[in-house]
C-alpha atoms as a PDB file:
ATOM      1  CA  MET A   1      -6.540  23.069  11.061  1.00  0.00           C
ATOM      2  CA  ASP A   2      -5.694  19.813   9.266  1.00  0.00           C
ATOM      3  CA  ARG A   3      -4.692  20.163   5.667  1.00  0.00           C
ATOM      4  CA  THR A   4      -5.631  17.698   2.981  1.00  0.00           C
ATOM      5  CA  LEU A   5      -2.669  15.837   1.532  1.00  0.00           C
ATOM      6  CA  PRO A   6      -2.393  15.461  -2.238  1.00  0.00           C
ATOM      7  CA  PRO A   7      -2.819  11.813  -3.341  1.00  0.00           C
ATOM      8  CA  VAL A   8       0.888  10.964  -3.746  1.00  0.00           C
ATOM      9  CA  ALA A   9       1.744  12.518  -0.374  1.00  0.00           C
ATOM     10  CA  ALA A  10      -1.125  10.618   1.292  1.00  0.00           C
ATOM     11  CA  VAL A  11       0.183   7.333  -0.124  1.00  0.00           C
ATOM     12  CA  ILE A  12       3.766   8.075   0.955  1.00  0.00           C
ATOM     13  CA  SER A  13       2.464   8.855   4.437  1.00  0.00           C
ATOM     14  CA  PHE A  14       0.393   5.637   4.437  1.00  0.00           C
ATOM     15  CA  ILE A  15       3.495   3.604   3.547  1.00  0.00           C
ATOM     16  CA  ASP A  16       5.470   5.382   6.261  1.00  0.00           C
ATOM     17  CA  HIS A  17       2.835   4.408   8.848  1.00  0.00           C
ATOM     18  CA  ILE A  18       2.932   0.786   7.610  1.00  0.00           C
ATOM     19  CA  ASN A  19       6.714   0.742   7.840  1.00  0.00           C
ATOM     20  CA  ARG A  20       6.595   2.050  11.416  1.00  0.00           C
ATOM     21  CA  GLY A  21       3.772  -0.296  12.439  1.00  0.00           C
ATOM     22  CA  ASP A  22       1.641   2.741  13.324  1.00  0.00           C
ATOM     23  CA  VAL A  23      -1.897   1.379  13.103  1.00  0.00           C
ATOM     24  CA  GLN A  24      -3.497   4.537  14.521  1.00  0.00           C
ATOM     25  CA  GLY A  25      -1.726   6.622  11.888  1.00  0.00           C
ATOM     26  CA  LEU A  26      -2.955   4.225   9.191  1.00  0.00           C
ATOM     27  CA  GLY A  27      -6.496   4.543  10.488  1.00  0.00           C
ATOM     28  CA  ALA A  28      -6.297   8.325  10.331  1.00  0.00           C
ATOM     29  CA  LEU A  29      -5.440   8.039   6.627  1.00  0.00           C
ATOM     30  CA  MET A  30      -8.314   5.641   5.802  1.00  0.00           C
ATOM     31  CA  THR A  31     -11.811   6.609   4.755  1.00  0.00           C
ATOM     32  CA  ASP A  32     -14.628   5.045   6.788  1.00  0.00           C
ATOM     33  CA  ASP A  33     -15.370   2.719   3.871  1.00  0.00           C
ATOM     34  CA  HIS A  34     -11.679   1.900   3.228  1.00  0.00           C
ATOM     35  CA  GLU A  35     -10.995  -1.512   1.769  1.00  0.00           C
ATOM     36  CA  LEU A  36      -7.913  -3.658   1.489  1.00  0.00           C
ATOM     37  CA  ALA A  37      -7.745  -5.889  -1.586  1.00  0.00           C
ATOM     38  CA  ILE A  38      -4.905  -8.406  -1.770  1.00  0.00           C
ATOM     39  CA  PHE A  39      -4.505 -10.049  -5.178  1.00  0.00           C
ATOM     40  CA  ASP A  40      -7.580 -12.227  -5.837  1.00  0.00           C
ATOM     41  CA  GLU A  41      -8.788 -12.421  -2.226  1.00  0.00           C
ATOM     42  CA  ASP A  42     -12.122 -10.916  -1.238  1.00  0.00           C
ATOM     43  CA  PRO A  43     -11.617  -7.278  -0.163  1.00  0.00           C
ATOM     44  CA  LEU A  44     -11.666  -6.435   3.531  1.00  0.00           C
ATOM     45  CA  PRO A  45     -14.113  -3.522   3.948  1.00  0.00           C
ATOM     46  CA  GLY A  46     -14.217  -0.866   6.656  1.00  0.00           C
ATOM     47  CA  ARG A  47     -11.697   1.207   8.573  1.00  0.00           C
ATOM     48  CA  THR A  48     -12.219  -0.657  11.855  1.00  0.00           C
ATOM     49  CA  ALA A  49     -11.778  -4.099  10.283  1.00  0.00           C
ATOM     50  CA  ASN A  50      -8.658  -2.919   8.460  1.00  0.00           C
ATOM     51  CA  MET A  51      -7.132  -1.395  11.578  1.00  0.00           C
ATOM     52  CA  THR A  52      -7.714  -4.691  13.391  1.00  0.00           C
ATOM     53  CA  ALA A  53      -6.108  -6.594  10.512  1.00  0.00           C
ATOM     54  CA  TRP A  54      -3.100  -4.245  10.428  1.00  0.00           C
ATOM     55  CA  ALA A  55      -2.712  -4.519  14.210  1.00  0.00           C
ATOM     56  CA  GLY A  56      -2.526  -8.297  13.865  1.00  0.00           C
ATOM     57  CA  TYR A  57      -0.140  -8.157  10.913  1.00  0.00           C
ATOM     58  CA  THR A  58       2.232  -5.653  12.507  1.00  0.00           C
ATOM     59  CA  ALA A  59       2.285  -7.708  15.721  1.00  0.00           C
ATOM     60  CA  ALA A  60       3.020 -10.931  13.822  1.00  0.00           C
ATOM     61  CA  TYR A  61       5.521  -9.313  11.412  1.00  0.00           C
ATOM     62  CA  PRO A  62       7.070  -6.346  13.250  1.00  0.00           C
ATOM     63  CA  HIS A  63       9.876  -5.977  10.686  1.00  0.00           C
ATOM     64  CA  TYR A  64       7.561  -5.666   7.668  1.00  0.00           C
ATOM     65  CA  VAL A  65       8.697  -2.833   5.400  1.00  0.00           C
ATOM     66  CA  ILE A  66       7.527  -1.592   2.005  1.00  0.00           C
ATOM     67  CA  TYR A  67      10.298  -0.337  -0.291  1.00  0.00           C
ATOM     68  CA  PRO A  68       8.773   1.895  -2.976  1.00  0.00           C
ATOM     69  CA  ARG A  69      10.848   1.982  -6.149  1.00  0.00           C
ATOM     70  CA  THR A  70       8.620   4.088  -8.407  1.00  0.00           C
ATOM     71  CA  ILE A  71       5.435   6.041  -7.756  1.00  0.00           C
ATOM     72  CA  THR A  72       3.031   7.244 -10.436  1.00  0.00           C
ATOM     73  CA  GLU A  73      -0.359   8.928 -10.536  1.00  0.00           C
ATOM     74  CA  PRO A  74      -1.956   7.195 -13.562  1.00  0.00           C
ATOM     75  CA  GLN A  75      -5.190   9.135 -13.129  1.00  0.00           C
ATOM     76  CA  ALA A  76      -6.559  11.723 -10.747  1.00  0.00           C
ATOM     77  CA  GLY A  77      -6.991  10.291  -7.265  1.00  0.00           C
ATOM     78  CA  HIS A  78      -5.160   7.046  -8.049  1.00  0.00           C
ATOM     79  CA  VAL A  79      -1.568   6.365  -7.065  1.00  0.00           C
ATOM     80  CA  ALA A  80       0.433   3.309  -8.119  1.00  0.00           C
ATOM     81  CA  VAL A  81       3.546   2.154  -6.283  1.00  0.00           C
ATOM     82  CA  LEU A  82       6.019  -0.360  -7.671  1.00  0.00           C
ATOM     83  CA  GLY A  83       8.302  -1.889  -5.090  1.00  0.00           C
ATOM     84  CA  HIS A  84       9.053  -4.793  -2.819  1.00  0.00           C
ATOM     85  CA  THR A  85       8.804  -5.749   0.831  1.00  0.00           C
ATOM     86  CA  SER A  86      10.861  -7.373   3.548  1.00  0.00           C
ATOM     87  CA  GLY A  87       9.868  -8.991   6.808  1.00  0.00           C
ATOM     88  CA  SER A  88       6.501 -10.196   5.493  1.00  0.00           C
ATOM     89  CA  HIS A  89       4.452 -13.334   6.066  1.00  0.00           C
ATOM     90  CA  LEU A  90       6.391 -14.936   3.190  1.00  0.00           C
ATOM     91  CA  GLU A  91       9.181 -15.500   5.708  1.00  0.00           C
ATOM     92  CA  LEU A  92      11.902 -15.231   3.055  1.00  0.00           C
ATOM     93  CA  THR A  93      15.310 -13.712   3.597  1.00  0.00           C
ATOM     94  CA  ASP A  94      15.384  -9.981   2.866  1.00  0.00           C
ATOM     95  CA  GLU A  95      17.471 -10.706  -0.228  1.00  0.00           C
ATOM     96  CA  GLU A  96      14.962 -13.256  -1.562  1.00  0.00           C
ATOM     97  CA  GLU A  97      11.987 -11.035  -0.809  1.00  0.00           C
ATOM     98  CA  SER A  98      13.633  -8.018  -2.469  1.00  0.00           C
ATOM     99  CA  LYS A  99      13.452  -9.881  -5.797  1.00  0.00           C
ATOM    100  CA  LEU A 100       9.645 -10.133  -5.632  1.00  0.00           C
ATOM    101  CA  SER A 101       8.278  -6.834  -6.897  1.00  0.00           C
ATOM    102  CA  VAL A 102       4.600  -5.991  -6.507  1.00  0.00           C
ATOM    103  CA  ILE A 103       2.316  -3.087  -7.308  1.00  0.00           C
ATOM    104  CA  TRP A 104       0.128  -1.300  -4.804  1.00  0.00           C
ATOM    105  CA  LEU A 105      -2.718   0.794  -6.172  1.00  0.00           C
ATOM    106  CA  ALA A 106      -4.360   3.364  -3.943  1.00  0.00           C
ATOM    107  CA  GLN A 107      -7.569   5.266  -4.508  1.00  0.00           C
ATOM    108  CA  VAL A 108      -7.337   8.552  -2.617  1.00  0.00           C
ATOM    109  CA  THR A 109     -10.275  10.797  -1.736  1.00  0.00           C
ATOM    110  CA  ASP A 110      -9.760  14.108   0.080  1.00  0.00           C
ATOM    111  CA  GLY A 111      -6.317  13.075   1.291  1.00  0.00           C
ATOM    112  CA  ARG A 112      -7.392   9.692   2.678  1.00  0.00           C
ATOM    113  CA  LEU A 113      -7.174   6.232   1.167  1.00  0.00           C
ATOM    114  CA  ARG A 114     -10.446   4.691   0.031  1.00  0.00           C
ATOM    115  CA  CYS A 115      -8.701   1.548  -1.242  1.00  0.00           C
ATOM    116  CA  TRP A 116      -5.279  -0.082  -0.868  1.00  0.00           C
ATOM    117  CA  ARG A 117      -4.929  -2.832  -3.468  1.00  0.00           C
ATOM    118  CA  LEU A 118      -2.030  -5.237  -3.935  1.00  0.00           C
ATOM    119  CA  LEU A 119      -1.501  -6.402  -7.520  1.00  0.00           C
ATOM    120  CA  GLU A 120       0.853  -8.757  -9.279  1.00  0.00           C
ATOM    121  CA  ASP A 121       3.686  -6.958 -11.083  1.00  0.00           C
ATOM    122  CA  THR A 122       3.247  -7.746 -14.789  1.00  0.00           C
ATOM    123  CA  PRO A 123       4.477  -6.014 -17.961  1.00  0.00           C
ATOM    124  CA  ASP A 124       0.880  -5.032 -18.826  1.00  0.00           C
ATOM    125  CA  ARG A 125       0.323  -3.465 -15.409  1.00  0.00           C
ATOM    126  CA  ARG A 126       3.632  -1.624 -15.592  1.00  0.00           C
ATOM    127  CA  ARG A 127       2.519  -0.084 -18.887  1.00  0.00           C
ATOM    128  CA  GLU A 128      -0.984   0.621 -17.549  1.00  0.00           C
ATOM    129  CA  PHE A 129       0.344   2.522 -14.547  1.00  0.00           C
ATOM    130  CA  GLY A 130       3.167   4.269 -16.399  1.00  0.00           C
ATOM    131  CA  PHE A 131       6.151   2.489 -14.867  1.00  0.00           C
ATOM    132  CA  GLY A 132       7.765   1.275 -18.064  1.00  0.00           C
ATOM    133  CA  LEU A 133       9.220  -2.200 -18.282  1.00  0.00           C
ATOM    134  CA  THR A 134      12.523  -1.403 -16.583  1.00  0.00           C
ATOM    135  CA  ALA A 135      11.225   0.477 -13.532  1.00  0.00           C
END
């Protein structure tokens, strides 16, 4: 029998699948109506569309890695992650990219991610999600 992961554990697992380029594992952690929202872009709805997008991204950027620095659960079913990436489409050196922190916000329902949202790291957002200004 599968057990339902608590929200923080589901998000950590989701990041692990991203870091390993495991698109099938990502899909297993998405709800059918999962959406990816990157900054101000229109969200990408649906598990199938997101798996296709992740397959393309992981093929184009096989060394993409998320480095979580701090994880909070600002409200039930929502998990915020402050961190940085390397190996992304920005095509910066790892050192340059490590200086660009971002926030991911996940909405988790029954152990699966309903939404994976990428947000700009700002002082207001750090306060909102409980990171503090020095996290």
